[in-house]
Amino acid sequence: MGYLHYGKQYQFISDPEYYVFSFDPKRVLIRNYALRTGNHLLYLAYIGVNYPTHIIDEIRDLEDLTRSLICLDQEQAREWFNKHDVTMVQSDISIYDKDAILTIFLLGTDQQITIPLEEKDELVYNLMDIEDLLQLRDLFWIDSRIN
């Protein structure tokens, strides 16, 4: 899924008041790219222009997540999920996108916006059971921080 696909879905309205910070799909896409490539400048520039009050927290979160982000193949991911008793994950971008960064979803914890599995129209913050997810692809980007 490319940038244009997300643009069609969300119209990428440039007014930051339209989306709350955590659900701004353009921010989520740029953050995902920055984390996977190590090129943080574009993301920090976007935050600086659109959400200047969040810049310090985002710098810290980006640095923290960069240290804990792991990329695993299917077998490694299965072992990692089993070792940590993970049964469900939340994606940042579409769960069907091979570049989605997966966060461990723990029931009862304070999570960002979560979209139930039935809501297939939503492209950010999807939830999926590990067994279903492991059937989708061969490579997994995982935020290995477990609270």
Protein backbone atom coordinates (compact mmCIF):
# COMPACT_ATOMS: atom_id res chain seq x y z
CA MET A 1 0.00 0.00 0.00
CA GLY A 2 1.44 3.31 -0.98
CA TYR A 3 1.21 6.84 0.28
CA LEU A 4 -1.45 7.62 -2.36
CA HIS A 5 -3.70 4.86 -1.05
CA TYR A 6 -3.69 6.44 2.40
CA GLY A 7 -4.17 9.89 0.85
CA LYS A 8 -7.31 8.68 -0.91
CA GLN A 9 -8.70 7.19 2.28
CA TYR A 10 -8.02 10.14 4.55
CA GLN A 11 -7.77 13.06 2.09
CA PHE A 12 -4.70 14.18 4.08
CA ILE A 13 -6.34 17.29 5.32
CA SER A 14 -3.50 19.58 6.33
CA ASP A 15 -5.33 21.20 9.23
CA PRO A 16 -3.94 19.46 12.34
CA GLU A 17 -7.14 20.33 14.19
CA TYR A 18 -9.01 17.89 11.94
CA TYR A 19 -7.19 14.85 13.36
CA VAL A 20 -6.11 14.37 16.93
CA PHE A 21 -2.34 13.99 17.17
CA SER A 22 -2.32 10.23 17.78
CA PHE A 23 -4.61 9.50 14.82
CA ASP A 24 -3.15 11.84 12.18
CA PRO A 25 -2.62 9.28 9.38
CA LYS A 26 0.00 11.40 7.61
CA ARG A 27 1.99 11.66 10.85
CA VAL A 28 1.69 7.89 11.38
CA LEU A 29 2.95 7.16 7.84
CA ILE A 30 5.88 9.56 8.12
CA ARG A 31 6.77 8.17 11.56
CA ASN A 32 6.68 4.61 10.21
CA TYR A 33 9.04 5.56 7.37
CA ALA A 34 11.40 7.37 9.74
CA LEU A 35 11.60 4.39 12.09
CA ARG A 36 12.21 1.81 9.38
CA THR A 37 14.82 3.86 7.48
CA GLY A 38 16.52 5.67 10.35
CA ASN A 39 15.85 8.99 8.59
CA HIS A 40 14.20 10.93 11.42
CA LEU A 41 14.58 14.44 9.99
CA LEU A 42 11.44 14.39 7.83
CA TYR A 43 9.32 13.22 10.75
CA LEU A 44 10.74 15.76 13.18
CA ALA A 45 10.21 18.52 10.62
CA TYR A 46 6.57 17.43 10.18
CA ILE A 47 6.04 17.43 13.96
CA GLY A 48 7.80 20.78 14.33
CA VAL A 49 5.48 22.42 11.80
CA ASN A 50 2.19 20.70 12.67
CA TYR A 51 2.49 19.71 16.34
CA PRO A 52 5.24 21.84 17.92
CA THR A 53 4.05 21.10 21.47
CA HIS A 54 4.77 17.39 20.87
CA ILE A 55 8.32 17.74 19.55
CA ILE A 56 10.23 16.89 22.76
CA ASP A 57 8.09 13.84 23.54
CA GLU A 58 8.33 12.65 19.93
CA ILE A 59 12.12 12.95 19.87
CA ARG A 60 12.31 10.81 23.02
CA ASP A 61 9.80 8.26 21.71
CA LEU A 62 11.55 8.03 18.34
CA GLU A 63 14.92 7.41 20.01
CA ASP A 64 13.44 4.84 22.39
CA LEU A 65 11.54 2.95 19.70
CA THR A 66 14.52 3.03 17.32
CA ARG A 67 16.53 1.12 19.94
CA SER A 68 13.76 -1.44 20.49
CA LEU A 69 12.53 -1.95 16.90
CA ILE A 70 13.29 -5.43 15.59
CA CYS A 71 12.75 -6.94 12.15
CA LEU A 72 12.13 -10.69 12.14
CA ASP A 73 11.31 -13.33 9.57
CA GLN A 74 8.21 -15.48 10.00
CA GLU A 75 9.81 -18.21 12.11
CA GLN A 76 11.71 -15.74 14.31
CA ALA A 77 8.51 -13.72 14.79
CA ARG A 78 6.54 -16.84 15.77
CA GLU A 79 9.22 -17.74 18.34
CA TRP A 80 9.36 -14.18 19.68
CA PHE A 81 5.55 -13.95 20.03
CA ASN A 82 5.42 -17.35 21.76
CA LYS A 83 8.30 -16.49 24.11
CA HIS A 84 6.53 -13.30 25.22
CA ASP A 85 3.00 -14.82 25.29
CA VAL A 86 1.78 -12.32 22.69
CA THR A 87 -1.55 -13.24 21.14
CA MET A 88 -2.57 -9.94 19.52
CA VAL A 89 -0.76 -6.98 17.99
CA GLN A 90 -1.71 -3.50 16.88
CA SER A 91 -0.28 -2.05 13.68
CA ASP A 92 0.63 1.58 13.13
CA ILE A 93 -0.26 1.60 9.43
CA SER A 94 -2.48 -1.00 7.74
CA ILE A 95 -2.04 -4.46 9.23
CA TYR A 96 -1.88 -5.76 5.65
CA ASP A 97 1.07 -3.50 4.80
CA LYS A 98 4.40 -5.37 5.03
CA ASP A 99 5.99 -2.24 6.51
CA ALA A 100 3.55 -1.96 9.41
CA ILE A 101 5.22 -1.65 12.79
CA LEU A 102 3.55 -3.96 15.26
CA THR A 103 2.99 -3.09 18.89
CA ILE A 104 2.16 -5.68 21.51
CA PHE A 105 -1.50 -5.35 22.41
CA LEU A 106 -2.15 -6.17 26.03
CA LEU A 107 -5.77 -6.20 27.08
CA GLY A 108 -6.52 -3.77 29.87
CA THR A 109 -3.62 -1.45 29.13
CA ASP A 110 -3.95 2.14 28.03
CA GLN A 111 -3.54 1.92 24.26
CA GLN A 112 -3.82 4.44 21.47
CA ILE A 113 -6.91 4.38 19.31
CA THR A 114 -7.72 0.79 18.46
CA ILE A 115 -9.77 -0.35 15.52
CA PRO A 116 -11.55 -3.70 15.90
CA LEU A 117 -10.73 -6.41 13.37
CA GLU A 118 -14.15 -6.05 11.74
CA GLU A 119 -13.37 -2.48 10.64
CA LYS A 120 -11.35 -3.35 7.55
CA ASP A 121 -11.83 0.15 6.09
CA GLU A 122 -9.48 1.76 8.59
CA LEU A 123 -5.85 1.91 7.51
CA VAL A 124 -4.19 2.80 10.79
CA TYR A 125 -4.16 1.14 14.21
CA ASN A 126 -5.59 -2.24 13.25
CA LEU A 127 -5.68 -5.17 15.66
CA MET A 128 -4.98 -8.74 14.62
CA ASP A 129 -4.50 -12.11 16.22
CA ILE A 130 -0.94 -13.43 15.86
CA GLU A 131 -1.98 -16.66 14.14
CA ASP A 132 -3.83 -14.71 11.43
CA LEU A 133 -0.98 -12.24 11.07
CA LEU A 134 1.69 -14.91 10.63
CA GLN A 135 -0.17 -16.13 7.53
CA LEU A 136 0.05 -12.72 5.84
CA ARG A 137 3.76 -12.20 5.19
CA ASP A 138 7.35 -13.23 5.75
CA LEU A 139 8.80 -10.13 7.44
CA PHE A 140 7.67 -8.43 10.65
CA TRP A 141 8.66 -5.05 12.13
CA ILE A 142 8.03 -5.30 15.89
CA ASP A 143 8.21 -2.75 18.67
CA SER A 144 9.79 -5.09 21.21
CA ARG A 145 8.97 -2.92 24.23
CA ILE A 146 6.73 -4.86 26.59
CA ASN A 147 5.25 -2.98 29.53
